[in-house]
């Protein structure tokens, strides 16, 4: 749990680097990869969690520029660049608008009473959840997967490991 704003910012920035690597690896063609025929596409999932960040922060009291949301998924490059800006802006507004004490304050979050620190953790888990979905769809779309919490199949191969450990 985050006890200080700097704790949160450190974790936010680390996670943003991992998410950015994944989003930077997307191609316009891969955005059409679907979970199942009636399901969301890789592009829809990525665009959802990127554009949700400012909405989420605003919901819990921070002032941050919103993304002009459209039902049309933009290009892979625009998704990656939008995340780059939003993740930077989010870190900036948290530092400017909240204090260590603010993190300990409790408010209603989706029907539960939670500290702002727990709410922020929920945001990061939301992004990590969708980042995992995106990497599976990237694999199905034939893309190389960047390392996130450890080497991907391609990373192991680059290290000369023919069969990754179980």
C-alpha atoms as a PDB file:
ATOM      1  CA  UNK A   1       0.000   0.000   0.000  1.00  0.00           C
ATOM      2  CA  UNK A   2       1.147   3.514  -0.614  1.00  0.00           C
ATOM      3  CA  UNK A   3       1.980   5.498   2.509  1.00  0.00           C
ATOM      4  CA  UNK A   4       3.335   8.512   0.653  1.00  0.00           C
ATOM      5  CA  UNK A   5       2.660  10.209  -2.647  1.00  0.00           C
ATOM      6  CA  UNK A   6       6.251   9.464  -3.629  1.00  0.00           C
ATOM      7  CA  UNK A   7       5.585   5.723  -3.015  1.00  0.00           C
ATOM      8  CA  UNK A   8       2.655   5.897  -5.400  1.00  0.00           C
ATOM      9  CA  UNK A   9       4.547   7.920  -8.019  1.00  0.00           C
ATOM     10  CA  UNK A  10       7.477   5.495  -7.975  1.00  0.00           C
ATOM     11  CA  UNK A  11       5.142   2.522  -8.559  1.00  0.00           C
ATOM     12  CA  UNK A  12       3.030   4.457 -11.092  1.00  0.00           C
ATOM     13  CA  UNK A  13       6.108   5.374 -13.133  1.00  0.00           C
ATOM     14  CA  UNK A  14       7.465   1.803 -13.031  1.00  0.00           C
ATOM     15  CA  UNK A  15       4.142   0.388 -14.200  1.00  0.00           C
ATOM     16  CA  UNK A  16       3.807   3.102 -16.854  1.00  0.00           C
ATOM     17  CA  UNK A  17       7.137   2.042 -18.388  1.00  0.00           C
ATOM     18  CA  UNK A  18       5.911  -1.562 -18.629  1.00  0.00           C
ATOM     19  CA  UNK A  19       2.557  -0.548 -20.091  1.00  0.00           C
ATOM     20  CA  UNK A  20       4.226   1.811 -22.553  1.00  0.00           C
ATOM     21  CA  UNK A  21       6.438  -1.018 -23.866  1.00  0.00           C
ATOM     22  CA  UNK A  22       3.343  -3.094 -24.548  1.00  0.00           C
ATOM     23  CA  UNK A  23       1.445  -0.264 -26.227  1.00  0.00           C
ATOM     24  CA  UNK A  24       4.476   0.742 -28.313  1.00  0.00           C
ATOM     25  CA  UNK A  25       4.569  -2.815 -29.725  1.00  0.00           C
ATOM     26  CA  UNK A  26       1.015  -2.626 -31.120  1.00  0.00           C
ATOM     27  CA  UNK A  27       0.376  -2.324 -34.833  1.00  0.00           C
ATOM     28  CA  UNK A  28      -2.695  -0.951 -36.558  1.00  0.00           C
ATOM     29  CA  UNK A  29      -3.461  -4.432 -37.902  1.00  0.00           C
ATOM     30  CA  UNK A  30      -3.240  -6.017 -34.450  1.00  0.00           C
ATOM     31  CA  UNK A  31      -5.912  -3.687 -33.075  1.00  0.00           C
ATOM     32  CA  UNK A  32      -8.556  -5.811 -34.826  1.00  0.00           C
ATOM     33  CA  UNK A  33      -7.641  -9.005 -32.933  1.00  0.00           C
ATOM     34  CA  UNK A  34     -10.713 -10.167 -31.020  1.00  0.00           C
ATOM     35  CA  UNK A  35     -11.152 -12.185 -27.881  1.00  0.00           C
ATOM     36  CA  UNK A  36     -14.085 -14.007 -29.523  1.00  0.00           C
ATOM     37  CA  UNK A  37     -16.367 -13.093 -32.455  1.00  0.00           C
ATOM     38  CA  UNK A  38     -18.696 -10.820 -30.471  1.00  0.00           C
ATOM     39  CA  UNK A  39     -15.980  -9.673 -28.050  1.00  0.00           C
ATOM     40  CA  UNK A  40     -13.944  -6.535 -27.764  1.00  0.00           C
ATOM     41  CA  UNK A  41     -10.921  -6.080 -29.952  1.00  0.00           C
ATOM     42  CA  UNK A  42      -7.388  -5.573 -28.720  1.00  0.00           C
ATOM     43  CA  UNK A  43      -7.706  -1.946 -29.825  1.00  0.00           C
ATOM     44  CA  UNK A  44     -10.943  -1.439 -27.880  1.00  0.00           C
ATOM     45  CA  UNK A  45      -9.414  -2.897 -24.707  1.00  0.00           C
ATOM     46  CA  UNK A  46      -6.257  -0.798 -24.979  1.00  0.00           C
ATOM     47  CA  UNK A  47      -8.206   2.379 -25.769  1.00  0.00           C
ATOM     48  CA  UNK A  48     -10.556   1.661 -22.853  1.00  0.00           C
ATOM     49  CA  UNK A  49      -7.891   1.477 -20.178  1.00  0.00           C
ATOM     50  CA  UNK A  50      -5.932   4.413 -21.577  1.00  0.00           C
ATOM     51  CA  UNK A  51      -8.926   6.747 -21.730  1.00  0.00           C
ATOM     52  CA  UNK A  52     -10.263   5.489 -18.400  1.00  0.00           C
ATOM     53  CA  UNK A  53      -7.297   6.825 -16.414  1.00  0.00           C
ATOM     54  CA  UNK A  54      -8.360  10.500 -16.349  1.00  0.00           C
ATOM     55  CA  UNK A  55     -11.997   9.499 -15.789  1.00  0.00           C
ATOM     56  CA  UNK A  56     -10.952   7.373 -12.820  1.00  0.00           C
ATOM     57  CA  UNK A  57      -8.771  10.093 -11.303  1.00  0.00           C
ATOM     58  CA  UNK A  58     -11.505  12.693 -11.759  1.00  0.00           C
ATOM     59  CA  UNK A  59     -14.034  10.398 -10.096  1.00  0.00           C
ATOM     60  CA  UNK A  60     -11.892  10.460  -6.961  1.00  0.00           C
ATOM     61  CA  UNK A  61     -11.254  14.189  -6.797  1.00  0.00           C
ATOM     62  CA  UNK A  62      -8.292  14.992  -9.011  1.00  0.00           C
ATOM     63  CA  UNK A  63      -8.445  17.586 -11.755  1.00  0.00           C
ATOM     64  CA  UNK A  64      -6.924  16.299 -14.996  1.00  0.00           C
ATOM     65  CA  UNK A  65      -7.613  16.851 -18.680  1.00  0.00           C
ATOM     66  CA  UNK A  66     -10.003  14.287 -20.105  1.00  0.00           C
ATOM     67  CA  UNK A  67      -9.509  12.438 -23.378  1.00  0.00           C
ATOM     68  CA  UNK A  68     -12.023  13.191 -26.090  1.00  0.00           C
ATOM     69  CA  UNK A  69     -13.453   9.703 -26.253  1.00  0.00           C
ATOM     70  CA  UNK A  70     -14.833   8.328 -29.462  1.00  0.00           C
ATOM     71  CA  UNK A  71     -16.322   4.948 -30.290  1.00  0.00           C
ATOM     72  CA  UNK A  72     -13.742   4.753 -33.052  1.00  0.00           C
ATOM     73  CA  UNK A  73     -10.461   3.258 -31.884  1.00  0.00           C
ATOM     74  CA  UNK A  74      -7.533   5.410 -33.051  1.00  0.00           C
ATOM     75  CA  UNK A  75      -4.278   4.154 -34.544  1.00  0.00           C
ATOM     76  CA  UNK A  76      -1.839   2.085 -32.520  1.00  0.00           C
ATOM     77  CA  UNK A  77       0.523   5.049 -32.445  1.00  0.00           C
ATOM     78  CA  UNK A  78      -2.182   7.370 -31.126  1.00  0.00           C
ATOM     79  CA  UNK A  79      -3.103   4.910 -28.379  1.00  0.00           C
ATOM     80  CA  UNK A  80       0.572   4.669 -27.313  1.00  0.00           C
ATOM     81  CA  UNK A  81       1.119   8.434 -27.466  1.00  0.00           C
ATOM     82  CA  UNK A  82      -2.099   9.143 -25.568  1.00  0.00           C
ATOM     83  CA  UNK A  83      -0.985   6.789 -22.797  1.00  0.00           C
ATOM     84  CA  UNK A  84       2.453   8.447 -22.706  1.00  0.00           C
ATOM     85  CA  UNK A  85       0.801  11.841 -22.113  1.00  0.00           C
ATOM     86  CA  UNK A  86      -1.866  10.623 -19.710  1.00  0.00           C
ATOM     87  CA  UNK A  87       0.532   8.639 -17.531  1.00  0.00           C
ATOM     88  CA  UNK A  88       2.819  11.661 -17.258  1.00  0.00           C
ATOM     89  CA  UNK A  89      -0.092  14.025 -16.577  1.00  0.00           C
ATOM     90  CA  UNK A  90      -1.494  11.657 -13.943  1.00  0.00           C
ATOM     91  CA  UNK A  91       1.779  11.607 -12.028  1.00  0.00           C
ATOM     92  CA  UNK A  92       1.974  15.386 -12.216  1.00  0.00           C
ATOM     93  CA  UNK A  93      -1.553  16.039 -10.930  1.00  0.00           C
ATOM     94  CA  UNK A  94      -1.193  13.564  -8.057  1.00  0.00           C
ATOM     95  CA  UNK A  95       1.992  15.310  -6.896  1.00  0.00           C
ATOM     96  CA  UNK A  96       0.411  18.751  -7.297  1.00  0.00           C
ATOM     97  CA  UNK A  97      -3.016  18.038  -5.859  1.00  0.00           C
ATOM     98  CA  UNK A  98      -2.624  15.388  -3.159  1.00  0.00           C
ATOM     99  CA  UNK A  99      -0.494  14.996  -0.065  1.00  0.00           C
ATOM    100  CA  UNK A 100       0.579  12.017   1.982  1.00  0.00           C
ATOM    101  CA  UNK A 101      -2.397  12.725   4.258  1.00  0.00           C
ATOM    102  CA  UNK A 102      -4.771  12.748   1.278  1.00  0.00           C
ATOM    103  CA  UNK A 103      -3.731   9.167   0.502  1.00  0.00           C
ATOM    104  CA  UNK A 104      -5.060   8.057   3.876  1.00  0.00           C
ATOM    105  CA  UNK A 105      -8.447   9.740   3.478  1.00  0.00           C
ATOM    106  CA  UNK A 106     -11.366   7.400   2.886  1.00  0.00           C
ATOM    107  CA  UNK A 107     -14.112   7.822   0.323  1.00  0.00           C
ATOM    108  CA  UNK A 108     -16.741   5.765  -1.469  1.00  0.00           C
ATOM    109  CA  UNK A 109     -15.201   3.753  -4.271  1.00  0.00           C
ATOM    110  CA  UNK A 110     -17.666   1.661  -6.232  1.00  0.00           C
ATOM    111  CA  UNK A 111     -19.858   1.064  -3.191  1.00  0.00           C
ATOM    112  CA  UNK A 112     -17.015   0.406  -0.731  1.00  0.00           C
ATOM    113  CA  UNK A 113     -15.261   2.730   1.691  1.00  0.00           C
ATOM    114  CA  UNK A 114     -11.595   2.787   0.685  1.00  0.00           C
ATOM    115  CA  UNK A 115      -8.567   4.940   1.280  1.00  0.00           C
ATOM    116  CA  UNK A 116      -7.295   6.969  -1.627  1.00  0.00           C
ATOM    117  CA  UNK A 117      -4.164   4.799  -1.531  1.00  0.00           C
ATOM    118  CA  UNK A 118      -6.320   1.691  -2.052  1.00  0.00           C
ATOM    119  CA  UNK A 119      -8.226   3.461  -4.810  1.00  0.00           C
ATOM    120  CA  UNK A 120      -4.944   4.215  -6.596  1.00  0.00           C
ATOM    121  CA  UNK A 121      -3.894   0.591  -6.215  1.00  0.00           C
ATOM    122  CA  UNK A 122      -7.202  -0.360  -7.838  1.00  0.00           C
ATOM    123  CA  UNK A 123      -6.376   1.858 -10.808  1.00  0.00           C
ATOM    124  CA  UNK A 124      -3.018   0.170 -11.262  1.00  0.00           C
ATOM    125  CA  UNK A 125      -4.600  -3.270 -10.992  1.00  0.00           C
ATOM    126  CA  UNK A 126      -7.188  -2.264 -13.592  1.00  0.00           C
ATOM    127  CA  UNK A 127      -4.420  -1.281 -16.004  1.00  0.00           C
ATOM    128  CA  UNK A 128      -2.398  -4.437 -15.267  1.00  0.00           C
ATOM    129  CA  UNK A 129      -5.496  -6.584 -15.803  1.00  0.00           C
ATOM    130  CA  UNK A 130      -6.136  -5.109 -19.236  1.00  0.00           C
ATOM    131  CA  UNK A 131      -2.422  -5.074 -20.099  1.00  0.00           C
ATOM    132  CA  UNK A 132      -2.483  -8.851 -19.583  1.00  0.00           C
ATOM    133  CA  UNK A 133      -5.469  -9.199 -21.904  1.00  0.00           C
ATOM    134  CA  UNK A 134      -3.694  -7.081 -24.495  1.00  0.00           C
ATOM    135  CA  UNK A 135      -0.541  -9.232 -24.398  1.00  0.00           C
ATOM    136  CA  UNK A 136      -2.554 -12.409 -24.980  1.00  0.00           C
ATOM    137  CA  UNK A 137      -4.273 -10.810 -27.977  1.00  0.00           C
ATOM    138  CA  UNK A 138      -0.915  -9.534 -29.231  1.00  0.00           C
ATOM    139  CA  UNK A 139       0.375 -13.121 -29.184  1.00  0.00           C
ATOM    140  CA  UNK A 140      -2.714 -14.251 -31.119  1.00  0.00           C
ATOM    141  CA  UNK A 141      -2.100 -11.420 -33.610  1.00  0.00           C
ATOM    142  CA  UNK A 142       1.462 -12.663 -34.181  1.00  0.00           C
ATOM    143  CA  UNK A 143       3.276  -9.801 -32.438  1.00  0.00           C
ATOM    144  CA  UNK A 144       6.366 -10.118 -30.281  1.00  0.00           C
ATOM    145  CA  UNK A 145       5.570  -9.507 -26.638  1.00  0.00           C
ATOM    146  CA  UNK A 146       7.834  -7.177 -24.671  1.00  0.00           C
ATOM    147  CA  UNK A 147       9.032  -8.279 -21.247  1.00  0.00           C
ATOM    148  CA  UNK A 148       6.751  -7.094 -18.468  1.00  0.00           C
ATOM    149  CA  UNK A 149       7.503  -8.855 -15.157  1.00  0.00           C
ATOM    150  CA  UNK A 150      10.022 -11.166 -16.731  1.00  0.00           C
ATOM    151  CA  UNK A 151      11.158 -12.287 -20.156  1.00  0.00           C
ATOM    152  CA  UNK A 152       8.612 -13.168 -22.793  1.00  0.00           C
ATOM    153  CA  UNK A 153       9.101 -16.088 -25.162  1.00  0.00           C
ATOM    154  CA  UNK A 154      11.090 -13.743 -27.422  1.00  0.00           C
ATOM    155  CA  UNK A 155      13.160 -12.495 -24.488  1.00  0.00           C
ATOM    156  CA  UNK A 156      14.131 -15.996 -23.451  1.00  0.00           C
ATOM    157  CA  UNK A 157      15.103 -16.746 -27.025  1.00  0.00           C
ATOM    158  CA  UNK A 158      17.311 -13.624 -27.167  1.00  0.00           C
ATOM    159  CA  UNK A 159      19.036 -14.832 -24.000  1.00  0.00           C
ATOM    160  CA  UNK A 160      19.799 -18.155 -25.710  1.00  0.00           C
ATOM    161  CA  UNK A 161      17.312 -20.170 -23.634  1.00  0.00           C
ATOM    162  CA  UNK A 162      15.676 -22.753 -25.862  1.00  0.00           C
ATOM    163  CA  UNK A 163      13.096 -23.879 -23.313  1.00  0.00           C
ATOM    164  CA  UNK A 164      12.047 -21.315 -20.682  1.00  0.00           C
ATOM    165  CA  UNK A 165      11.819 -22.531 -17.080  1.00  0.00           C
ATOM    166  CA  UNK A 166       8.426 -23.706 -15.860  1.00  0.00           C
END
